PDB file of N, CA and C in Angstrom:
ATOM      1  N   UNK A   1      89.878 -54.691   6.272  1.00  0.00           N
ATOM      2  CA  UNK A   1      91.073 -55.000   6.912  1.00  0.00           C
ATOM      3  C   UNK A   1      91.764 -56.051   6.275  1.00  0.00           C
ATOM      4  N   UNK A   2      90.641 -57.190   6.088  1.00  0.00           N
ATOM      5  CA  UNK A   2      91.116 -58.875   5.660  1.00  0.00           C
ATOM      6  C   UNK A   2      92.123 -58.646   3.978  1.00  0.00           C
ATOM      7  N   UNK A   3      91.537 -57.556   3.254  1.00  0.00           N
ATOM      8  CA  UNK A   3      92.338 -57.454   1.996  1.00  0.00           C
ATOM      9  C   UNK A   3      93.512 -56.896   2.399  1.00  0.00           C
ATOM     10  N   UNK A   4      93.736 -55.921   3.250  1.00  0.00           N
ATOM     11  CA  UNK A   4      95.112 -55.713   3.710  1.00  0.00           C
ATOM     12  C   UNK A   4      96.096 -56.526   4.217  1.00  0.00           C
ATOM     13  N   UNK A   5      95.551 -57.327   5.102  1.00  0.00           N
ATOM     14  CA  UNK A   5      96.256 -58.648   6.001  1.00  0.00           C
ATOM     15  C   UNK A   5      96.494 -59.352   4.951  1.00  0.00           C
ATOM     16  N   UNK A   6      95.774 -59.679   3.678  1.00  0.00           N
ATOM     17  CA  UNK A   6      96.324 -60.802   2.809  1.00  0.00           C
ATOM     18  C   UNK A   6      97.386 -60.176   1.978  1.00  0.00           C
ATOM     19  N   UNK A   7      97.075 -58.983   1.377  1.00  0.00           N
ATOM     20  CA  UNK A   7      97.884 -58.309   0.468  1.00  0.00           C
ATOM     21  C   UNK A   7      99.518 -58.052   1.376  1.00  0.00           C
ATOM     22  N   UNK A   8      99.476 -57.829   2.801  1.00  0.00           N
ATOM     23  CA  UNK A   8     100.748 -57.619   3.069  1.00  0.00           C
ATOM     24  C   UNK A   8     101.277 -58.930   3.096  1.00  0.00           C
ATOM     25  N   UNK A   9     100.608 -60.082   3.881  1.00  0.00           N
ATOM     26  CA  UNK A   9     100.734 -61.616   3.547  1.00  0.00           C
ATOM     27  C   UNK A   9     101.491 -61.813   2.472  1.00  0.00           C
ATOM     28  N   UNK A  10     100.919 -61.601   1.268  1.00  0.00           N
ATOM     29  CA  UNK A  10     101.264 -61.900  -0.017  1.00  0.00           C
ATOM     30  C   UNK A  10     102.635 -61.386  -0.401  1.00  0.00           C
ATOM     31  N   UNK A  11     102.848 -59.762   0.003  1.00  0.00           N
ATOM     32  CA  UNK A  11     104.183 -59.258  -0.290  1.00  0.00           C
ATOM     33  C   UNK A  11     105.083 -59.629   0.564  1.00  0.00           C
ATOM     34  N   UNK A  12     104.981 -60.454   1.822  1.00  0.00           N
ATOM     35  CA  UNK A  12     106.023 -60.831   2.649  1.00  0.00           C
ATOM     36  C   UNK A  12     106.474 -62.217   1.866  1.00  0.00           C
ATOM     37  N   UNK A  13     105.255 -62.721   1.597  1.00  0.00           N
ATOM     38  CA  UNK A  13     105.830 -64.087   0.691  1.00  0.00           C
ATOM     39  C   UNK A  13     106.633 -64.209  -0.123  1.00  0.00           C
ATOM     40  N   UNK A  14     106.149 -63.003  -1.300  1.00  0.00           N
ATOM     41  CA  UNK A  14     106.803 -62.480  -2.169  1.00  0.00           C
ATOM     42  C   UNK A  14     108.336 -62.132  -1.852  1.00  0.00           C
ATOM     43  N   UNK A  15     108.300 -61.351  -1.051  1.00  0.00           N
ATOM     44  CA  UNK A  15     109.713 -60.865  -0.167  1.00  0.00           C
ATOM     45  C   UNK A  15     110.708 -62.346  -0.071  1.00  0.00           C
ATOM     46  N   UNK A  16     110.141 -63.395   0.606  1.00  0.00           N
ATOM     47  CA  UNK A  16     110.765 -64.697   1.051  1.00  0.00           C
ATOM     48  C   UNK A  16     111.066 -65.358  -0.226  1.00  0.00           C
ATOM     49  N   UNK A  17     110.624 -65.184  -1.361  1.00  0.00           N
ATOM     50  CA  UNK A  17     110.650 -66.012  -2.083  1.00  0.00           C
ATOM     51  C   UNK A  17     111.652 -65.405  -3.086  1.00  0.00           C
ATOM     52  N   UNK A  18     111.717 -64.087  -3.034  1.00  0.00           N
ATOM     53  CA  UNK A  18     112.942 -63.244  -3.888  1.00  0.00           C
ATOM     54  C   UNK A  18     113.866 -63.596  -3.114  1.00  0.00           C
ATOM     55  N   UNK A  19     114.236 -63.451  -1.767  1.00  0.00           N
ATOM     56  CA  UNK A  19     115.387 -63.752  -1.138  1.00  0.00           C
ATOM     57  C   UNK A  19     115.764 -65.164  -1.318  1.00  0.00           C
ATOM     58  N   UNK A  20     114.988 -65.935  -1.372  1.00  0.00           N
ATOM     59  CA  UNK A  20     115.321 -67.518  -1.317  1.00  0.00           C
ATOM     60  C   UNK A  20     116.076 -67.723  -2.799  1.00  0.00           C
ATOM     61  N   UNK A  21     115.497 -66.937  -3.802  1.00  0.00           N
ATOM     62  CA  UNK A  21     115.643 -67.019  -5.301  1.00  0.00           C
ATOM     63  C   UNK A  21     117.314 -66.770  -5.220  1.00  0.00           C
ATOM     64  N   UNK A  22     117.575 -65.528  -4.363  1.00  0.00           N
ATOM     65  CA  UNK A  22     119.259 -64.731  -4.722  1.00  0.00           C
ATOM     66  C   UNK A  22     119.755 -65.727  -3.686  1.00  0.00           C
ATOM     67  N   UNK A  23     119.419 -66.376  -2.800  1.00  0.00           N
ATOM     68  CA  UNK A  23     120.199 -67.445  -2.009  1.00  0.00           C
ATOM     69  C   UNK A  23     120.818 -68.584  -2.930  1.00  0.00           C
ATOM     70  N   UNK A  24     119.371 -69.128  -3.371  1.00  0.00           N
ATOM     71  CA  UNK A  24     119.751 -70.393  -4.266  1.00  0.00           C
ATOM     72  C   UNK A  24     120.914 -69.696  -5.382  1.00  0.00           C
ATOM     73  N   UNK A  25     120.822 -68.740  -5.912  1.00  0.00           N
ATOM     74  CA  UNK A  25     121.900 -68.224  -6.828  1.00  0.00           C
ATOM     75  C   UNK A  25     123.650 -67.948  -6.196  1.00  0.00           C
ATOM     76  N   UNK A  26     123.349 -67.728  -5.004  1.00  0.00           N
ATOM     77  CA  UNK A  26     124.612 -67.262  -4.617  1.00  0.00           C
ATOM     78  C   UNK A  26     125.163 -68.742  -4.081  1.00  0.00           C
ATOM     79  N   UNK A  27     124.196 -69.721  -3.703  1.00  0.00           N
ATOM     80  CA  UNK A  27     124.524 -71.066  -3.040  1.00  0.00           C
ATOM     81  C   UNK A  27     125.232 -71.891  -4.373  1.00  0.00           C
ATOM     82  N   UNK A  28     124.427 -71.688  -5.441  1.00  0.00           N
ATOM     83  CA  UNK A  28     125.047 -72.455  -6.871  1.00  0.00           C
ATOM     84  C   UNK A  28     126.533 -71.908  -7.221  1.00  0.00           C
ATOM     85  N   UNK A  29     126.393 -70.533  -7.201  1.00  0.00           N
ATOM     86  CA  UNK A  29     127.881 -70.006  -7.434  1.00  0.00           C
ATOM     87  C   UNK A  29     129.065 -70.603  -6.159  1.00  0.00           C
ATOM     88  N   UNK A  30     128.674 -70.572  -5.081  1.00  0.00           N
ATOM     89  CA  UNK A  30     129.362 -70.878  -3.989  1.00  0.00           C
ATOM     90  C   UNK A  30     130.080 -72.429  -4.105  1.00  0.00           C
ATOM     91  N   UNK A  31     129.099 -73.415  -4.326  1.00  0.00           N
ATOM     92  CA  UNK A  31     129.126 -74.756  -4.518  1.00  0.00           C
ATOM     93  C   UNK A  31     128.645 -75.276  -6.251  1.00  0.00           C
ATOM     94  N   UNK A  32     129.387 -74.956  -7.129  1.00  0.00           N
ATOM     95  CA  UNK A  32     129.293 -75.160  -8.432  1.00  0.00           C
ATOM     96  C   UNK A  32     128.658 -76.940  -8.781  1.00  0.00           C
ATOM     97  N   UNK A  33     129.556 -77.302  -8.039  1.00  0.00           N
ATOM     98  CA  UNK A  33     129.429 -79.053  -8.258  1.00  0.00           C
ATOM     99  C   UNK A  33     129.916 -79.667  -6.880  1.00  0.00           C
ATOM    100  N   UNK A  34     129.496 -81.126  -6.863  1.00  0.00           N
ATOM    101  CA  UNK A  34     129.544 -81.736  -5.727  1.00  0.00           C
ATOM    102  C   UNK A  34     131.213 -81.703  -5.299  1.00  0.00           C
ATOM    103  N   UNK A  35     131.961 -80.914  -6.392  1.00  0.00           N
ATOM    104  CA  UNK A  35     133.568 -81.220  -6.079  1.00  0.00           C
ATOM    105  C   UNK A  35     134.580 -80.019  -6.022  1.00  0.00           C
ATOM    106  N   UNK A  36     133.482 -78.989  -6.003  1.00  0.00           N
ATOM    107  CA  UNK A  36     134.161 -77.651  -5.938  1.00  0.00           C
ATOM    108  C   UNK A  36     133.382 -76.776  -4.909  1.00  0.00           C
ATOM    109  N   UNK A  37     134.432 -75.849  -4.376  1.00  0.00           N
ATOM    110  CA  UNK A  37     133.753 -74.653  -3.902  1.00  0.00           C
ATOM    111  C   UNK A  37     134.353 -73.362  -4.182  1.00  0.00           C
ATOM    112  N   UNK A  38     133.745 -72.681  -4.444  1.00  0.00           N
ATOM    113  CA  UNK A  38     134.191 -71.022  -4.920  1.00  0.00           C
ATOM    114  C   UNK A  38     134.500 -70.150  -3.764  1.00  0.00           C
ATOM    115  N   UNK A  39     135.191 -70.188  -3.315  1.00  0.00           N
ATOM    116  CA  UNK A  39     135.262 -69.319  -1.808  1.00  0.00           C
ATOM    117  C   UNK A  39     135.141 -68.028  -2.084  1.00  0.00           C
ATOM    118  N   UNK A  40     135.254 -67.645  -3.469  1.00  0.00           N
ATOM    119  CA  UNK A  40     135.083 -66.053  -3.644  1.00  0.00           C
ATOM    120  C   UNK A  40     133.894 -65.407  -3.546  1.00  0.00           C
ATOM    121  N   UNK A  41     132.819 -67.088  -3.518  1.00  0.00           N
ATOM    122  CA  UNK A  41     131.206 -66.391  -3.455  1.00  0.00           C
ATOM    123  C   UNK A  41     130.786 -66.406  -1.860  1.00  0.00           C
ATOM    124  N   UNK A  42     131.846 -66.885  -1.106  1.00  0.00           N
ATOM    125  CA  UNK A  42     131.318 -66.979   0.187  1.00  0.00           C
ATOM    126  C   UNK A  42     130.753 -65.699   0.877  1.00  0.00           C
ATOM    127  N   UNK A  43     131.545 -64.721   0.577  1.00  0.00           N
ATOM    128  CA  UNK A  43     130.867 -63.747   1.508  1.00  0.00           C
ATOM    129  C   UNK A  43     129.256 -63.468   0.707  1.00  0.00           C
ATOM    130  N   UNK A  44     129.244 -63.386  -0.332  1.00  0.00           N
ATOM    131  CA  UNK A  44     127.927 -63.148  -1.289  1.00  0.00           C
ATOM    132  C   UNK A  44     126.661 -64.228  -0.675  1.00  0.00           C
ATOM    133  N   UNK A  45     127.297 -65.494  -0.426  1.00  0.00           N
ATOM    134  CA  UNK A  45     126.367 -66.450  -0.121  1.00  0.00           C
ATOM    135  C   UNK A  45     125.859 -66.180   1.046  1.00  0.00           C
ATOM    136  N   UNK A  46     126.461 -65.667   2.359  1.00  0.00           N
ATOM    137  CA  UNK A  46     126.596 -65.682   3.262  1.00  0.00           C
ATOM    138  C   UNK A  46     125.555 -64.413   3.573  1.00  0.00           C
ATOM    139  N   UNK A  47     125.580 -63.425   2.583  1.00  0.00           N
ATOM    140  CA  UNK A  47     124.867 -62.089   2.558  1.00  0.00           C
ATOM    141  C   UNK A  47     123.383 -62.310   2.282  1.00  0.00           C
ATOM    142  N   UNK A  48     123.430 -63.249   1.550  1.00  0.00           N
ATOM    143  CA  UNK A  48     122.000 -63.795   0.898  1.00  0.00           C
ATOM    144  C   UNK A  48     121.358 -64.642   1.794  1.00  0.00           C
ATOM    145  N   UNK A  49     121.962 -65.424   2.606  1.00  0.00           N
ATOM    146  CA  UNK A  49     121.395 -66.447   3.423  1.00  0.00           C
ATOM    147  C   UNK A  49     120.924 -65.337   4.729  1.00  0.00           C
ATOM    148  N   UNK A  50     121.536 -64.355   4.988  1.00  0.00           N
ATOM    149  CA  UNK A  50     121.126 -63.673   6.081  1.00  0.00           C
ATOM    150  C   UNK A  50     120.090 -62.662   5.696  1.00  0.00           C
ATOM    151  N   UNK A  51     119.923 -62.407   4.382  1.00  0.00           N
ATOM    152  CA  UNK A  51     118.385 -61.471   3.729  1.00  0.00           C
ATOM    153  C   UNK A  51     117.350 -62.748   3.768  1.00  0.00           C
ATOM    154  N   UNK A  52     117.566 -63.615   3.564  1.00  0.00           N
ATOM    155  CA  UNK A  52     116.111 -64.418   3.347  1.00  0.00           C
ATOM    156  C   UNK A  52     115.937 -65.087   4.836  1.00  0.00           C
ATOM    157  N   UNK A  53     116.900 -65.116   5.584  1.00  0.00           N
ATOM    158  CA  UNK A  53     116.664 -65.547   7.162  1.00  0.00           C
ATOM    159  C   UNK A  53     115.716 -64.128   7.808  1.00  0.00           C
ATOM    160  N   UNK A  54     116.252 -62.973   7.411  1.00  0.00           N
ATOM    161  CA  UNK A  54     115.347 -61.796   7.720  1.00  0.00           C
ATOM    162  C   UNK A  54     114.330 -61.685   7.144  1.00  0.00           C
ATOM    163  N   UNK A  55     113.900 -61.933   5.995  1.00  0.00           N
ATOM    164  CA  UNK A  55     112.711 -62.041   5.397  1.00  0.00           C
ATOM    165  C   UNK A  55     111.727 -62.842   5.917  1.00  0.00           C
ATOM    166  N   UNK A  56     112.254 -64.214   6.179  1.00  0.00           N
ATOM    167  CA  UNK A  56     111.632 -65.203   6.779  1.00  0.00           C
ATOM    168  C   UNK A  56     110.915 -64.982   8.416  1.00  0.00           C
ATOM    169  N   UNK A  57     111.661 -64.229   9.049  1.00  0.00           N
ATOM    170  CA  UNK A  57     111.676 -63.849  10.333  1.00  0.00           C
ATOM    171  C   UNK A  57     110.288 -62.879  10.533  1.00  0.00           C
ATOM    172  N   UNK A  58     110.381 -62.085   9.400  1.00  0.00           N
ATOM    173  CA  UNK A  58     109.643 -60.602   9.212  1.00  0.00           C
ATOM    174  C   UNK A  58     108.245 -61.349   8.703  1.00  0.00           C
ATOM    175  N   UNK A  59     108.008 -62.495   7.970  1.00  0.00           N
ATOM    176  CA  UNK A  59     106.907 -63.176   7.519  1.00  0.00           C
ATOM    177  C   UNK A  59     106.190 -64.098   8.741  1.00  0.00           C
ATOM    178  N   UNK A  60     107.088 -64.723   9.536  1.00  0.00           N
ATOM    179  CA  UNK A  60     106.868 -65.368  10.522  1.00  0.00           C
ATOM    180  C   UNK A  60     106.115 -64.435  11.828  1.00  0.00           C
ATOM    181  N   UNK A  61     106.655 -63.216  11.991  1.00  0.00           N
ATOM    182  CA  UNK A  61     106.391 -62.373  12.869  1.00  0.00           C
ATOM    183  C   UNK A  61     105.116 -61.630  12.429  1.00  0.00           C
ATOM    184  N   UNK A  62     104.630 -61.525  10.935  1.00  0.00           N
ATOM    185  CA  UNK A  62     103.556 -61.088  10.867  1.00  0.00           C
ATOM    186  C   UNK A  62     102.372 -62.089  10.730  1.00  0.00           C
ATOM    187  N   UNK A  63     102.408 -63.352  10.600  1.00  0.00           N
ATOM    188  CA  UNK A  63     101.707 -64.230  10.943  1.00  0.00           C
ATOM    189  C   UNK A  63     101.285 -64.773  12.337  1.00  0.00           C
ATOM    190  N   UNK A  64     102.265 -64.869  13.264  1.00  0.00           N
ATOM    191  CA  UNK A  64     101.849 -64.997  14.623  1.00  0.00           C
ATOM    192  C   UNK A  64     101.247 -63.579  15.085  1.00  0.00           C
ATOM    193  N   UNK A  65     101.527 -62.390  14.872  1.00  0.00           N
ATOM    194  CA  UNK A  65     100.888 -61.356  15.286  1.00  0.00           C
ATOM    195  C   UNK A  65      99.369 -61.148  14.780  1.00  0.00           C
ATOM    196  N   UNK A  66      99.392 -61.323  13.454  1.00  0.00           N
ATOM    197  CA  UNK A  66      97.769 -61.298  12.612  1.00  0.00           C
ATOM    198  C   UNK A  66      97.139 -62.281  13.417  1.00  0.00           C
ATOM    199  N   UNK A  67      97.383 -63.451  13.403  1.00  0.00           N
ATOM    200  CA  UNK A  67      96.664 -64.448  13.826  1.00  0.00           C
ATOM    201  C   UNK A  67      96.793 -64.915  15.430  1.00  0.00           C
ATOM    202  N   UNK A  68      97.464 -64.103  16.496  1.00  0.00           N
ATOM    203  CA  UNK A  68      97.485 -64.415  17.567  1.00  0.00           C
ATOM    204  C   UNK A  68      98.193 -65.979  18.076  1.00  0.00           C
ATOM    205  N   UNK A  69      98.994 -66.117  17.358  1.00  0.00           N
ATOM    206  CA  UNK A  69      99.735 -67.202  17.598  1.00  0.00           C
ATOM    207  C   UNK A  69     101.235 -67.586  17.804  1.00  0.00           C
ATOM    208  N   UNK A  70     101.862 -68.438  18.865  1.00  0.00           N
ATOM    209  CA  UNK A  70     103.153 -68.421  19.188  1.00  0.00           C
ATOM    210  C   UNK A  70     103.914 -69.073  17.776  1.00  0.00           C
ATOM    211  N   UNK A  71     105.184 -69.173  17.517  1.00  0.00           N
ATOM    212  CA  UNK A  71     106.057 -69.494  16.706  1.00  0.00           C
ATOM    213  C   UNK A  71     105.672 -71.171  16.751  1.00  0.00           C
ATOM    214  N   UNK A  72     105.698 -71.628  17.772  1.00  0.00           N
ATOM    215  CA  UNK A  72     105.719 -72.966  18.169  1.00  0.00           C
ATOM    216  C   UNK A  72     104.305 -73.567  17.414  1.00  0.00           C
ATOM    217  N   UNK A  73     103.239 -72.714  17.575  1.00  0.00           N
ATOM    218  CA  UNK A  73     102.175 -73.021  17.428  1.00  0.00           C
ATOM    219  C   UNK A  73     102.033 -72.744  15.826  1.00  0.00           C
ATOM    220  N   UNK A  74     102.333 -72.222  15.133  1.00  0.00           N
ATOM    221  CA  UNK A  74     102.859 -71.982  13.962  1.00  0.00           C
ATOM    222  C   UNK A  74     103.819 -72.965  13.185  1.00  0.00           C
ATOM    223  N   UNK A  75     104.673 -73.665  14.092  1.00  0.00           N
ATOM    224  CA  UNK A  75     105.510 -74.638  13.403  1.00  0.00           C
ATOM    225  C   UNK A  75     104.556 -75.990  13.507  1.00  0.00           C
ATOM    226  N   UNK A  76     103.989 -76.218  14.329  1.00  0.00           N
ATOM    227  CA  UNK A  76     102.877 -77.544  14.749  1.00  0.00           C
ATOM    228  C   UNK A  76     101.983 -77.605  13.467  1.00  0.00           C
ATOM    229  N   UNK A  77     101.478 -76.281  13.056  1.00  0.00           N
ATOM    230  CA  UNK A  77     100.413 -76.225  11.910  1.00  0.00           C
ATOM    231  C   UNK A  77     100.795 -76.852  10.687  1.00  0.00           C
ATOM    232  N   UNK A  78     102.335 -77.032  10.430  1.00  0.00           N
ATOM    233  CA  UNK A  78     103.090 -77.527   9.169  1.00  0.00           C
ATOM    234  C   UNK A  78     103.042 -79.004   9.408  1.00  0.00           C
ATOM    235  N   UNK A  79     102.965 -79.456  10.711  1.00  0.00           N
ATOM    236  CA  UNK A  79     103.103 -80.750  10.912  1.00  0.00           C
ATOM    237  C   UNK A  79     101.646 -81.809  10.653  1.00  0.00           C
ATOM    238  N   UNK A  80     101.541 -82.805  10.120  1.00  0.00           N
ATOM    239  CA  UNK A  80     100.208 -83.424  10.056  1.00  0.00           C
ATOM    240  C   UNK A  80      99.856 -83.527  11.378  1.00  0.00           C
TER     241      UNK A  80
END
């Protein structure tokens, strides 16, 4: 069972990282420099951001469910 949880967790982390990479690419296309905004890329960037947010929520839910902790407890683990 532990291997399944770890495997699922790793797959979910990979999903978040992939979504973040797509978002980074679309953000850089939307804002190519400090002085430019390419409004033609706005919809693609918004879609990529939404997909990344959904992937992060799935990972958070998995962690909280697997370990029986709340989102507040999870976030406190990231703090010193």
